[in-house]
Amino acid sequence: MWLDDEGIDAKILIRDRDGKFPKDEMQDFWAGEECRVIKIPPKSPKASAFAESFIRSLERECLDWFMYFGLEPLYYLVRTWAEHYTSKRPHRGIGMDNEVLDIYPKI
């Protein structure tokens, strides 16, 4: 899996209860990777607030403004924006040893 290729050792996946991913297939896939899947509690929108905020910011500040034709430009765009998001743009985490997790494969 690409996590191994990138040197990421995932132990826990926290996910919402969206029905997009079939329960059995999702559990089986991540169990094969020795990763524990935890669903957030029902009707608890604040449980995934940080992830939701990050995704909304990525869409609003980056992806809505660019056209990309393939995965390589998309990965470059997201990596570059994530570097800016965590180290250069003003926010409360500046100077708190934030580092960008480069989870997108380099093509």
PDB file of N, CA and C in Angstrom:
ATOM      1  N   MET A   1       0.837  -1.186   0.000  1.00  0.00           N
ATOM      2  CA  MET A   1       0.000   0.000   0.000  1.00  0.00           C
ATOM      3  C   MET A   1       0.879   1.246   0.000  1.00  0.00           C
ATOM      4  N   TRP A   2       0.363   2.350  -0.457  1.00  0.00           N
ATOM      5  CA  TRP A   2       1.171   3.563  -0.590  1.00  0.00           C
ATOM      6  C   TRP A   2       1.651   4.112   0.737  1.00  0.00           C
ATOM      7  N   LEU A   3       0.987   3.782   1.841  1.00  0.00           N
ATOM      8  CA  LEU A   3       1.470   4.221   3.149  1.00  0.00           C
ATOM      9  C   LEU A   3       2.864   3.667   3.422  1.00  0.00           C
ATOM     10  N   ASP A   4       3.078   2.407   3.088  1.00  0.00           N
ATOM     11  CA  ASP A   4       4.394   1.804   3.265  1.00  0.00           C
ATOM     12  C   ASP A   4       5.425   2.470   2.362  1.00  0.00           C
ATOM     13  N   ASP A   5       5.030   2.772   1.147  1.00  0.00           N
ATOM     14  CA  ASP A   5       5.942   3.428   0.209  1.00  0.00           C
ATOM     15  C   ASP A   5       6.391   4.786   0.719  1.00  0.00           C
ATOM     16  N   GLU A   6       5.521   5.467   1.449  1.00  0.00           N
ATOM     17  CA  GLU A   6       5.845   6.794   1.972  1.00  0.00           C
ATOM     18  C   GLU A   6       6.436   6.753   3.379  1.00  0.00           C
ATOM     19  N   GLY A   7       6.562   5.559   3.942  1.00  0.00           N
ATOM     20  CA  GLY A   7       7.145   5.424   5.267  1.00  0.00           C
ATOM     21  C   GLY A   7       6.204   5.833   6.394  1.00  0.00           C
ATOM     22  N   ILE A   8       4.898   5.738   6.156  1.00  0.00           N
ATOM     23  CA  ILE A   8       3.906   6.096   7.167  1.00  0.00           C
ATOM     24  C   ILE A   8       3.391   4.825   7.822  1.00  0.00           C
ATOM     25  N   ASP A   9       3.486   4.756   9.131  1.00  0.00           N
ATOM     26  CA  ASP A   9       3.030   3.588   9.872  1.00  0.00           C
ATOM     27  C   ASP A   9       1.718   3.944  10.570  1.00  0.00           C
ATOM     28  N   ALA A  10       0.603   3.736   9.881  1.00  0.00           N
ATOM     29  CA  ALA A  10      -0.717   4.089  10.419  1.00  0.00           C
ATOM     30  C   ALA A  10      -1.182   3.017  11.385  1.00  0.00           C
ATOM     31  N   LYS A  11      -1.562   3.448  12.580  1.00  0.00           N
ATOM     32  CA  LYS A  11      -2.074   2.520  13.596  1.00  0.00           C
ATOM     33  C   LYS A  11      -3.563   2.696  13.819  1.00  0.00           C
ATOM     34  N   ILE A  12      -4.062   3.928  13.643  1.00  0.00           N
ATOM     35  CA  ILE A  12      -5.469   4.231  13.918  1.00  0.00           C
ATOM     36  C   ILE A  12      -6.030   5.096  12.798  1.00  0.00           C
ATOM     37  N   LEU A  13      -7.225   4.768  12.337  1.00  0.00           N
ATOM     38  CA  LEU A  13      -7.960   5.581  11.387  1.00  0.00           C
ATOM     39  C   LEU A  13      -9.251   6.013  12.067  1.00  0.00           C
ATOM     40  N   ILE A  14      -9.447   7.313  12.222  1.00  0.00           N
ATOM     41  CA  ILE A  14     -10.684   7.833  12.807  1.00  0.00           C
ATOM     42  C   ILE A  14     -11.553   8.308  11.661  1.00  0.00           C
ATOM     43  N   ARG A  15     -12.750   7.774  11.566  1.00  0.00           N
ATOM     44  CA  ARG A  15     -13.625   8.114  10.442  1.00  0.00           C
ATOM     45  C   ARG A  15     -15.022   8.454  10.926  1.00  0.00           C
ATOM     46  N   ASP A  16     -15.752   9.152  10.048  1.00  0.00           N
ATOM     47  CA  ASP A  16     -17.138   9.458  10.381  1.00  0.00           C
ATOM     48  C   ASP A  16     -18.019   8.280   9.988  1.00  0.00           C
ATOM     49  N   ARG A  17     -19.309   8.452  10.154  1.00  0.00           N
ATOM     50  CA  ARG A  17     -20.247   7.357   9.898  1.00  0.00           C
ATOM     51  C   ARG A  17     -20.932   7.483   8.538  1.00  0.00           C
ATOM     52  N   ASP A  18     -20.275   8.133   7.607  1.00  0.00           N
ATOM     53  CA  ASP A  18     -20.828   8.300   6.267  1.00  0.00           C
ATOM     54  C   ASP A  18     -20.994   6.928   5.607  1.00  0.00           C
ATOM     55  N   GLY A  19     -22.064   6.775   4.885  1.00  0.00           N
ATOM     56  CA  GLY A  19     -22.360   5.503   4.236  1.00  0.00           C
ATOM     57  C   GLY A  19     -21.667   5.318   2.901  1.00  0.00           C
ATOM     58  N   LYS A  20     -20.739   6.212   2.530  1.00  0.00           N
ATOM     59  CA  LYS A  20     -20.053   6.088   1.247  1.00  0.00           C
ATOM     60  C   LYS A  20     -19.216   4.818   1.157  1.00  0.00           C
ATOM     61  N   PHE A  21     -18.652   4.411   2.283  1.00  0.00           N
ATOM     62  CA  PHE A  21     -17.766   3.266   2.284  1.00  0.00           C
ATOM     63  C   PHE A  21     -18.468   2.093   2.955  1.00  0.00           C
ATOM     64  N   PRO A  22     -18.625   0.988   2.236  1.00  0.00           N
ATOM     65  CA  PRO A  22     -19.275  -0.184   2.848  1.00  0.00           C
ATOM     66  C   PRO A  22     -18.516  -0.645   4.081  1.00  0.00           C
ATOM     67  N   LYS A  23     -19.245  -0.942   5.139  1.00  0.00           N
ATOM     68  CA  LYS A  23     -18.646  -1.268   6.434  1.00  0.00           C
ATOM     69  C   LYS A  23     -17.666  -2.433   6.347  1.00  0.00           C
ATOM     70  N   ASP A  24     -18.080  -3.535   5.780  1.00  0.00           N
ATOM     71  CA  ASP A  24     -17.237  -4.734   5.763  1.00  0.00           C
ATOM     72  C   ASP A  24     -15.971  -4.524   4.936  1.00  0.00           C
ATOM     73  N   GLU A  25     -16.108  -3.897   3.769  1.00  0.00           N
ATOM     74  CA  GLU A  25     -14.945  -3.673   2.917  1.00  0.00           C
ATOM     75  C   GLU A  25     -13.941  -2.739   3.588  1.00  0.00           C
ATOM     76  N   MET A  26     -14.425  -1.699   4.227  1.00  0.00           N
ATOM     77  CA  MET A  26     -13.553  -0.741   4.906  1.00  0.00           C
ATOM     78  C   MET A  26     -12.813  -1.422   6.053  1.00  0.00           C
ATOM     79  N   GLN A  27     -13.538  -2.172   6.872  1.00  0.00           N
ATOM     80  CA  GLN A  27     -12.929  -2.870   8.002  1.00  0.00           C
ATOM     81  C   GLN A  27     -11.885  -3.890   7.518  1.00  0.00           C
ATOM     82  N   ASP A  28     -12.238  -4.667   6.490  1.00  0.00           N
ATOM     83  CA  ASP A  28     -11.332  -5.693   5.984  1.00  0.00           C
ATOM     84  C   ASP A  28     -10.058  -5.091   5.412  1.00  0.00           C
ATOM     85  N   PHE A  29     -10.201  -4.012   4.663  1.00  0.00           N
ATOM     86  CA  PHE A  29      -9.036  -3.365   4.061  1.00  0.00           C
ATOM     87  C   PHE A  29      -8.053  -2.902   5.128  1.00  0.00           C
ATOM     88  N   TRP A  30      -8.544  -2.159   6.117  1.00  0.00           N
ATOM     89  CA  TRP A  30      -7.652  -1.615   7.138  1.00  0.00           C
ATOM     90  C   TRP A  30      -7.183  -2.673   8.126  1.00  0.00           C
ATOM     91  N   ALA A  31      -7.958  -3.726   8.348  1.00  0.00           N
ATOM     92  CA  ALA A  31      -7.513  -4.811   9.220  1.00  0.00           C
ATOM     93  C   ALA A  31      -6.306  -5.511   8.603  1.00  0.00           C
ATOM     94  N   GLY A  32      -6.295  -5.629   7.282  1.00  0.00           N
ATOM     95  CA  GLY A  32      -5.158  -6.221   6.587  1.00  0.00           C
ATOM     96  C   GLY A  32      -3.898  -5.383   6.730  1.00  0.00           C
ATOM     97  N   GLU A  33      -4.060  -4.115   7.009  1.00  0.00           N
ATOM     98  CA  GLU A  33      -2.925  -3.211   7.202  1.00  0.00           C
ATOM     99  C   GLU A  33      -2.574  -3.051   8.684  1.00  0.00           C
ATOM    100  N   GLU A  34      -3.217  -3.832   9.535  1.00  0.00           N
ATOM    101  CA  GLU A  34      -3.009  -3.761  10.983  1.00  0.00           C
ATOM    102  C   GLU A  34      -3.275  -2.353  11.521  1.00  0.00           C
ATOM    103  N   CYS A  35      -4.364  -1.783  11.043  1.00  0.00           N
ATOM    104  CA  CYS A  35      -4.762  -0.429  11.452  1.00  0.00           C
ATOM    105  C   CYS A  35      -6.157  -0.511  12.074  1.00  0.00           C
ATOM    106  N   ARG A  36      -6.307   0.046  13.240  1.00  0.00           N
ATOM    107  CA  ARG A  36      -7.580   0.034  13.956  1.00  0.00           C
ATOM    108  C   ARG A  36      -8.482   1.154  13.425  1.00  0.00           C
ATOM    109  N   VAL A  37      -9.719   0.818  13.083  1.00  0.00           N
ATOM    110  CA  VAL A  37     -10.685   1.794  12.568  1.00  0.00           C
ATOM    111  C   VAL A  37     -11.632   2.180  13.695  1.00  0.00           C
ATOM    112  N   ILE A  38     -11.725   3.478  13.970  1.00  0.00           N
ATOM    113  CA  ILE A  38     -12.617   3.988  15.012  1.00  0.00           C
ATOM    114  C   ILE A  38     -13.606   4.940  14.361  1.00  0.00           C
ATOM    115  N   LYS A  39     -14.889   4.682  14.571  1.00  0.00           N
ATOM    116  CA  LYS A  39     -15.923   5.587  14.071  1.00  0.00           C
ATOM    117  C   LYS A  39     -16.221   6.629  15.135  1.00  0.00           C
ATOM    118  N   ILE A  40     -16.441   7.872  14.700  1.00  0.00           N
ATOM    119  CA  ILE A  40     -16.821   8.897  15.665  1.00  0.00           C
ATOM    120  C   ILE A  40     -18.234   8.587  16.162  1.00  0.00           C
ATOM    121  N   PRO A  41     -18.592   9.050  17.347  1.00  0.00           N
ATOM    122  CA  PRO A  41     -19.928   8.763  17.884  1.00  0.00           C
ATOM    123  C   PRO A  41     -21.029   9.361  16.997  1.00  0.00           C
ATOM    124  N   PRO A  42     -22.208   8.729  16.982  1.00  0.00           N
ATOM    125  CA  PRO A  42     -23.311   9.265  16.193  1.00  0.00           C
ATOM    126  C   PRO A  42     -23.734  10.653  16.682  1.00  0.00           C
ATOM    127  N   LYS A  43     -24.117  11.484  15.756  1.00  0.00           N
ATOM    128  CA  LYS A  43     -24.626  12.833  16.033  1.00  0.00           C
ATOM    129  C   LYS A  43     -23.666  13.652  16.895  1.00  0.00           C
ATOM    130  N   SER A  44     -22.387  13.611  16.530  1.00  0.00           N
ATOM    131  CA  SER A  44     -21.380  14.390  17.266  1.00  0.00           C
ATOM    132  C   SER A  44     -20.481  15.125  16.265  1.00  0.00           C
ATOM    133  N   PRO A  45     -20.988  16.220  15.711  1.00  0.00           N
ATOM    134  CA  PRO A  45     -20.245  16.923  14.662  1.00  0.00           C
ATOM    135  C   PRO A  45     -18.916  17.506  15.129  1.00  0.00           C
ATOM    136  N   LYS A  46     -18.762  17.747  16.421  1.00  0.00           N
ATOM    137  CA  LYS A  46     -17.515  18.329  16.908  1.00  0.00           C
ATOM    138  C   LYS A  46     -16.383  17.307  16.993  1.00  0.00           C
ATOM    139  N   ALA A  47     -16.700  16.019  16.880  1.00  0.00           N
ATOM    140  CA  ALA A  47     -15.675  14.979  16.999  1.00  0.00           C
ATOM    141  C   ALA A  47     -14.670  15.025  15.856  1.00  0.00           C
ATOM    142  N   SER A  48     -15.068  15.505  14.708  1.00  0.00           N
ATOM    143  CA  SER A  48     -14.150  15.582  13.573  1.00  0.00           C
ATOM    144  C   SER A  48     -13.943  17.030  13.123  1.00  0.00           C
ATOM    145  N   ALA A  49     -14.056  17.948  14.056  1.00  0.00           N
ATOM    146  CA  ALA A  49     -14.018  19.372  13.710  1.00  0.00           C
ATOM    147  C   ALA A  49     -12.698  19.800  13.077  1.00  0.00           C
ATOM    148  N   PHE A  50     -11.564  19.314  13.598  1.00  0.00           N
ATOM    149  CA  PHE A  50     -10.277  19.733  13.048  1.00  0.00           C
ATOM    150  C   PHE A  50     -10.084  19.221  11.628  1.00  0.00           C
ATOM    151  N   ALA A  51     -10.442  17.972  11.389  1.00  0.00           N
ATOM    152  CA  ALA A  51     -10.317  17.410  10.047  1.00  0.00           C
ATOM    153  C   ALA A  51     -11.253  18.120   9.075  1.00  0.00           C
ATOM    154  N   GLU A  52     -12.488  18.365   9.494  1.00  0.00           N
ATOM    155  CA  GLU A  52     -13.448  19.058   8.637  1.00  0.00           C
ATOM    156  C   GLU A  52     -12.968  20.473   8.314  1.00  0.00           C
ATOM    157  N   SER A  53     -12.428  21.154   9.293  1.00  0.00           N
ATOM    158  CA  SER A  53     -11.919  22.510   9.082  1.00  0.00           C
ATOM    159  C   SER A  53     -10.755  22.506   8.102  1.00  0.00           C
ATOM    160  N   PHE A  54      -9.856  21.542   8.245  1.00  0.00           N
ATOM    161  CA  PHE A  54      -8.705  21.452   7.346  1.00  0.00           C
ATOM    162  C   PHE A  54      -9.158  21.202   5.913  1.00  0.00           C
ATOM    163  N   ILE A  55     -10.081  20.275   5.719  1.00  0.00           N
ATOM    164  CA  ILE A  55     -10.577  19.955   4.378  1.00  0.00           C
ATOM    165  C   ILE A  55     -11.292  21.151   3.765  1.00  0.00           C
ATOM    166  N   ARG A  56     -12.130  21.833   4.555  1.00  0.00           N
ATOM    167  CA  ARG A  56     -12.814  23.028   4.033  1.00  0.00           C
ATOM    168  C   ARG A  56     -11.812  24.099   3.624  1.00  0.00           C
ATOM    169  N   SER A  57     -10.769  24.294   4.428  1.00  0.00           N
ATOM    170  CA  SER A  57      -9.742  25.284   4.095  1.00  0.00           C
ATOM    171  C   SER A  57      -9.006  24.889   2.826  1.00  0.00           C
ATOM    172  N   LEU A  58      -8.660  23.617   2.685  1.00  0.00           N
ATOM    173  CA  LEU A  58      -7.987  23.136   1.479  1.00  0.00           C
ATOM    174  C   LEU A  58      -8.839  23.395   0.248  1.00  0.00           C
ATOM    175  N   GLU A  59     -10.098  23.096   0.320  1.00  0.00           N
ATOM    176  CA  GLU A  59     -10.987  23.323  -0.823  1.00  0.00           C
ATOM    177  C   GLU A  59     -11.135  24.805  -1.127  1.00  0.00           C
ATOM    178  N   ARG A  60     -11.433  25.599  -0.097  1.00  0.00           N
ATOM    179  CA  ARG A  60     -11.713  27.023  -0.281  1.00  0.00           C
ATOM    180  C   ARG A  60     -10.480  27.811  -0.708  1.00  0.00           C
ATOM    181  N   GLU A  61      -9.342  27.545  -0.085  1.00  0.00           N
ATOM    182  CA  GLU A  61      -8.147  28.347  -0.336  1.00  0.00           C
ATOM    183  C   GLU A  61      -7.281  27.830  -1.477  1.00  0.00           C
ATOM    184  N   CYS A  62      -7.468  26.587  -1.869  1.00  0.00           N
ATOM    185  CA  CYS A  62      -6.563  26.013  -2.862  1.00  0.00           C
ATOM    186  C   CYS A  62      -7.301  25.395  -4.051  1.00  0.00           C
ATOM    187  N   LEU A  63      -8.029  24.344  -3.805  1.00  0.00           N
ATOM    188  CA  LEU A  63      -8.576  23.553  -4.908  1.00  0.00           C
ATOM    189  C   LEU A  63      -9.634  24.286  -5.724  1.00  0.00           C
ATOM    190  N   ASP A  64     -10.366  25.205  -5.111  1.00  0.00           N
ATOM    191  CA  ASP A  64     -11.387  25.938  -5.847  1.00  0.00           C
ATOM    192  C   ASP A  64     -10.793  26.922  -6.856  1.00  0.00           C
ATOM    193  N   TRP A  65      -9.484  27.205  -6.744  1.00  0.00           N
ATOM    194  CA  TRP A  65      -8.859  28.240  -7.569  1.00  0.00           C
ATOM    195  C   TRP A  65      -7.988  27.687  -8.694  1.00  0.00           C
ATOM    196  N   PHE A  66      -7.829  26.400  -8.781  1.00  0.00           N
ATOM    197  CA  PHE A  66      -6.920  25.828  -9.758  1.00  0.00           C
ATOM    198  C   PHE A  66      -7.602  24.747 -10.571  1.00  0.00           C
ATOM    199  N   MET A  67      -7.108  24.588 -11.798  1.00  0.00           N
ATOM    200  CA  MET A  67      -7.504  23.449 -12.618  1.00  0.00           C
ATOM    201  C   MET A  67      -6.286  22.555 -12.727  1.00  0.00           C
ATOM    202  N   TYR A  68      -6.453  21.286 -12.498  1.00  0.00           N
ATOM    203  CA  TYR A  68      -5.338  20.358 -12.576  1.00  0.00           C
ATOM    204  C   TYR A  68      -5.761  19.204 -13.463  1.00  0.00           C
ATOM    205  N   PHE A  69      -4.822  18.745 -14.246  1.00  0.00           N
ATOM    206  CA  PHE A  69      -5.108  17.701 -15.224  1.00  0.00           C
ATOM    207  C   PHE A  69      -4.227  16.489 -14.943  1.00  0.00           C
ATOM    208  N   GLY A  70      -4.530  15.792 -13.885  1.00  0.00           N
ATOM    209  CA  GLY A  70      -3.769  14.608 -13.521  1.00  0.00           C
ATOM    210  C   GLY A  70      -3.377  14.654 -12.052  1.00  0.00           C
ATOM    211  N   LEU A  71      -2.853  13.532 -11.580  1.00  0.00           N
ATOM    212  CA  LEU A  71      -2.515  13.418 -10.169  1.00  0.00           C
ATOM    213  C   LEU A  71      -1.239  14.164  -9.799  1.00  0.00           C
ATOM    214  N   GLU A  72      -0.252  14.181 -10.671  1.00  0.00           N
ATOM    215  CA  GLU A  72       1.010  14.842 -10.334  1.00  0.00           C
ATOM    216  C   GLU A  72       0.817  16.320  -9.996  1.00  0.00           C
ATOM    217  N   PRO A  73       0.115  17.100 -10.845  1.00  0.00           N
ATOM    218  CA  PRO A  73      -0.109  18.505 -10.466  1.00  0.00           C
ATOM    219  C   PRO A  73      -0.959  18.648  -9.204  1.00  0.00           C
ATOM    220  N   LEU A  74      -1.925  17.757  -8.997  1.00  0.00           N
ATOM    221  CA  LEU A  74      -2.766  17.808  -7.807  1.00  0.00           C
ATOM    222  C   LEU A  74      -1.941  17.563  -6.554  1.00  0.00           C
ATOM    223  N   TYR A  75      -1.093  16.534  -6.566  1.00  0.00           N
ATOM    224  CA  TYR A  75      -0.234  16.254  -5.413  1.00  0.00           C
ATOM    225  C   TYR A  75       0.705  17.425  -5.120  1.00  0.00           C
ATOM    226  N   TYR A  76       1.289  17.992  -6.180  1.00  0.00           N
ATOM    227  CA  TYR A  76       2.190  19.143  -5.999  1.00  0.00           C
ATOM    228  C   TYR A  76       1.434  20.308  -5.363  1.00  0.00           C
ATOM    229  N   LEU A  77       0.249  20.576  -5.869  1.00  0.00           N
ATOM    230  CA  LEU A  77      -0.570  21.676  -5.368  1.00  0.00           C
ATOM    231  C   LEU A  77      -0.908  21.483  -3.889  1.00  0.00           C
ATOM    232  N   VAL A  78      -1.336  20.295  -3.521  1.00  0.00           N
ATOM    233  CA  VAL A  78      -1.719  20.027  -2.137  1.00  0.00           C
ATOM    234  C   VAL A  78      -0.500  20.072  -1.216  1.00  0.00           C
ATOM    235  N   ARG A  79       0.640  19.482  -1.655  1.00  0.00           N
ATOM    236  CA  ARG A  79       1.858  19.543  -0.831  1.00  0.00           C
ATOM    237  C   ARG A  79       2.295  20.980  -0.598  1.00  0.00           C
ATOM    238  N   THR A  80       2.293  21.791  -1.655  1.00  0.00           N
ATOM    239  CA  THR A  80       2.713  23.192  -1.548  1.00  0.00           C
ATOM    240  C   THR A  80       1.767  23.968  -0.646  1.00  0.00           C
ATOM    241  N   TRP A  81       0.469  23.764  -0.806  1.00  0.00           N
ATOM    242  CA  TRP A  81      -0.498  24.466   0.034  1.00  0.00           C
ATOM    243  C   TRP A  81      -0.371  24.027   1.490  1.00  0.00           C
ATOM    244  N   ALA A  82      -0.186  22.720   1.731  1.00  0.00           N
ATOM    245  CA  ALA A  82      -0.063  22.228   3.108  1.00  0.00           C
ATOM    246  C   ALA A  82       1.168  22.821   3.790  1.00  0.00           C
ATOM    247  N   GLU A  83       2.259  22.971   3.062  1.00  0.00           N
ATOM    248  CA  GLU A  83       3.458  23.610   3.614  1.00  0.00           C
ATOM    249  C   GLU A  83       3.141  25.052   4.016  1.00  0.00           C
ATOM    250  N   HIS A  84       2.450  25.773   3.145  1.00  0.00           N
ATOM    251  CA  HIS A  84       2.049  27.151   3.445  1.00  0.00           C
ATOM    252  C   HIS A  84       1.086  27.182   4.629  1.00  0.00           C
ATOM    253  N   TYR A  85       0.124  26.274   4.647  1.00  0.00           N
ATOM    254  CA  TYR A  85      -0.914  26.237   5.682  1.00  0.00           C
ATOM    255  C   TYR A  85      -0.320  26.034   7.069  1.00  0.00           C
ATOM    256  N   THR A  86       0.684  25.152   7.171  1.00  0.00           N
ATOM    257  CA  THR A  86       1.217  24.822   8.489  1.00  0.00           C
ATOM    258  C   THR A  86       2.383  25.686   8.932  1.00  0.00           C
ATOM    259  N   SER A  87       3.031  26.392   8.006  1.00  0.00           N
ATOM    260  CA  SER A  87       4.235  27.115   8.425  1.00  0.00           C
ATOM    261  C   SER A  87       4.235  28.609   8.138  1.00  0.00           C
ATOM    262  N   LYS A  88       3.503  29.060   7.137  1.00  0.00           N
ATOM    263  CA  LYS A  88       3.609  30.465   6.760  1.00  0.00           C
ATOM    264  C   LYS A  88       2.351  31.291   7.007  1.00  0.00           C
ATOM    265  N   ARG A  89       1.197  30.695   6.871  1.00  0.00           N
ATOM    266  CA  ARG A  89      -0.023  31.482   7.042  1.00  0.00           C
ATOM    267  C   ARG A  89      -0.259  31.742   8.524  1.00  0.00           C
ATOM    268  N   PRO A  90      -0.814  32.888   8.857  1.00  0.00           N
ATOM    269  CA  PRO A  90      -1.006  33.211  10.275  1.00  0.00           C
ATOM    270  C   PRO A  90      -2.071  32.324  10.924  1.00  0.00           C
ATOM    271  N   HIS A  91      -1.679  31.675  12.001  1.00  0.00           N
ATOM    272  CA  HIS A  91      -2.611  30.894  12.802  1.00  0.00           C
ATOM    273  C   HIS A  91      -1.977  30.628  14.154  1.00  0.00           C
ATOM    274  N   ARG A  92      -2.742  30.073  15.057  1.00  0.00           N
ATOM    275  CA  ARG A  92      -2.269  29.886  16.428  1.00  0.00           C
ATOM    276  C   ARG A  92      -1.165  28.843  16.554  1.00  0.00           C
ATOM    277  N   GLY A  93      -0.991  27.986  15.566  1.00  0.00           N
ATOM    278  CA  GLY A  93       0.004  26.928  15.670  1.00  0.00           C
ATOM    279  C   GLY A  93       1.395  27.338  15.247  1.00  0.00           C
ATOM    280  N   ILE A  94       1.580  28.562  14.742  1.00  0.00           N
ATOM    281  CA  ILE A  94       2.908  29.004  14.308  1.00  0.00           C
ATOM    282  C   ILE A  94       3.874  28.927  15.487  1.00  0.00           C
ATOM    283  N   GLY A  95       5.044  28.358  15.230  1.00  0.00           N
ATOM    284  CA  GLY A  95       6.068  28.252  16.266  1.00  0.00           C
ATOM    285  C   GLY A  95       5.856  27.115  17.243  1.00  0.00           C
ATOM    286  N   MET A  96       4.914  26.215  16.946  1.00  0.00           N
ATOM    287  CA  MET A  96       4.630  25.114  17.870  1.00  0.00           C
ATOM    288  C   MET A  96       5.130  23.787  17.311  1.00  0.00           C
ATOM    289  N   ASP A  97       6.209  23.844  16.524  1.00  0.00           N
ATOM    290  CA  ASP A  97       6.834  22.658  15.962  1.00  0.00           C
ATOM    291  C   ASP A  97       5.866  21.856  15.086  1.00  0.00           C
ATOM    292  N   ASN A  98       5.073  22.568  14.283  1.00  0.00           N
ATOM    293  CA  ASN A  98       4.199  21.898  13.323  1.00  0.00           C
ATOM    294  C   ASN A  98       5.049  21.429  12.156  1.00  0.00           C
ATOM    295  N   GLU A  99       4.731  20.277  11.645  1.00  0.00           N
ATOM    296  CA  GLU A  99       5.419  19.811  10.459  1.00  0.00           C
ATOM    297  C   GLU A  99       4.394  19.248   9.492  1.00  0.00           C
ATOM    298  N   VAL A 100       4.694  19.373   8.214  1.00  0.00           N
ATOM    299  CA  VAL A 100       3.793  18.887   7.190  1.00  0.00           C
ATOM    300  C   VAL A 100       4.005  17.390   7.035  1.00  0.00           C
ATOM    301  N   LEU A 101       2.933  16.630   7.149  1.00  0.00           N
ATOM    302  CA  LEU A 101       3.014  15.205   6.867  1.00  0.00           C
ATOM    303  C   LEU A 101       2.832  15.045   5.377  1.00  0.00           C
ATOM    304  N   ASP A 102       3.871  14.637   4.716  1.00  0.00           N
ATOM    305  CA  ASP A 102       3.839  14.519   3.266  1.00  0.00           C
ATOM    306  C   ASP A 102       3.234  13.179   2.897  1.00  0.00           C
ATOM    307  N   ILE A 103       1.907  13.105   2.924  1.00  0.00           N
ATOM    308  CA  ILE A 103       1.233  11.831   2.704  1.00  0.00           C
ATOM    309  C   ILE A 103       0.885  11.597   1.248  1.00  0.00           C
ATOM    310  N   TYR A 104       1.117  12.571   0.398  1.00  0.00           N
ATOM    311  CA  TYR A 104       0.762  12.401  -1.004  1.00  0.00           C
ATOM    312  C   TYR A 104       1.963  11.890  -1.759  1.00  0.00           C
ATOM    313  N   PRO A 105       1.777  10.848  -2.554  1.00  0.00           N
ATOM    314  CA  PRO A 105       2.912  10.239  -3.245  1.00  0.00           C
ATOM    315  C   PRO A 105       3.573  11.205  -4.219  1.00  0.00           C
ATOM    316  N   LYS A 106       4.874  11.105  -4.316  1.00  0.00           N
ATOM    317  CA  LYS A 106       5.623  11.896  -5.285  1.00  0.00           C
ATOM    318  C   LYS A 106       5.675  11.111  -6.583  1.00  0.00           C
ATOM    319  N   ILE A 107       5.208  11.730  -7.641  1.00  0.00           N
ATOM    320  CA  ILE A 107       5.166  11.053  -8.943  1.00  0.00           C
ATOM    321  C   ILE A 107       6.313  11.554  -9.792  1.00  0.00           C
TER     322      ILE A 107
END
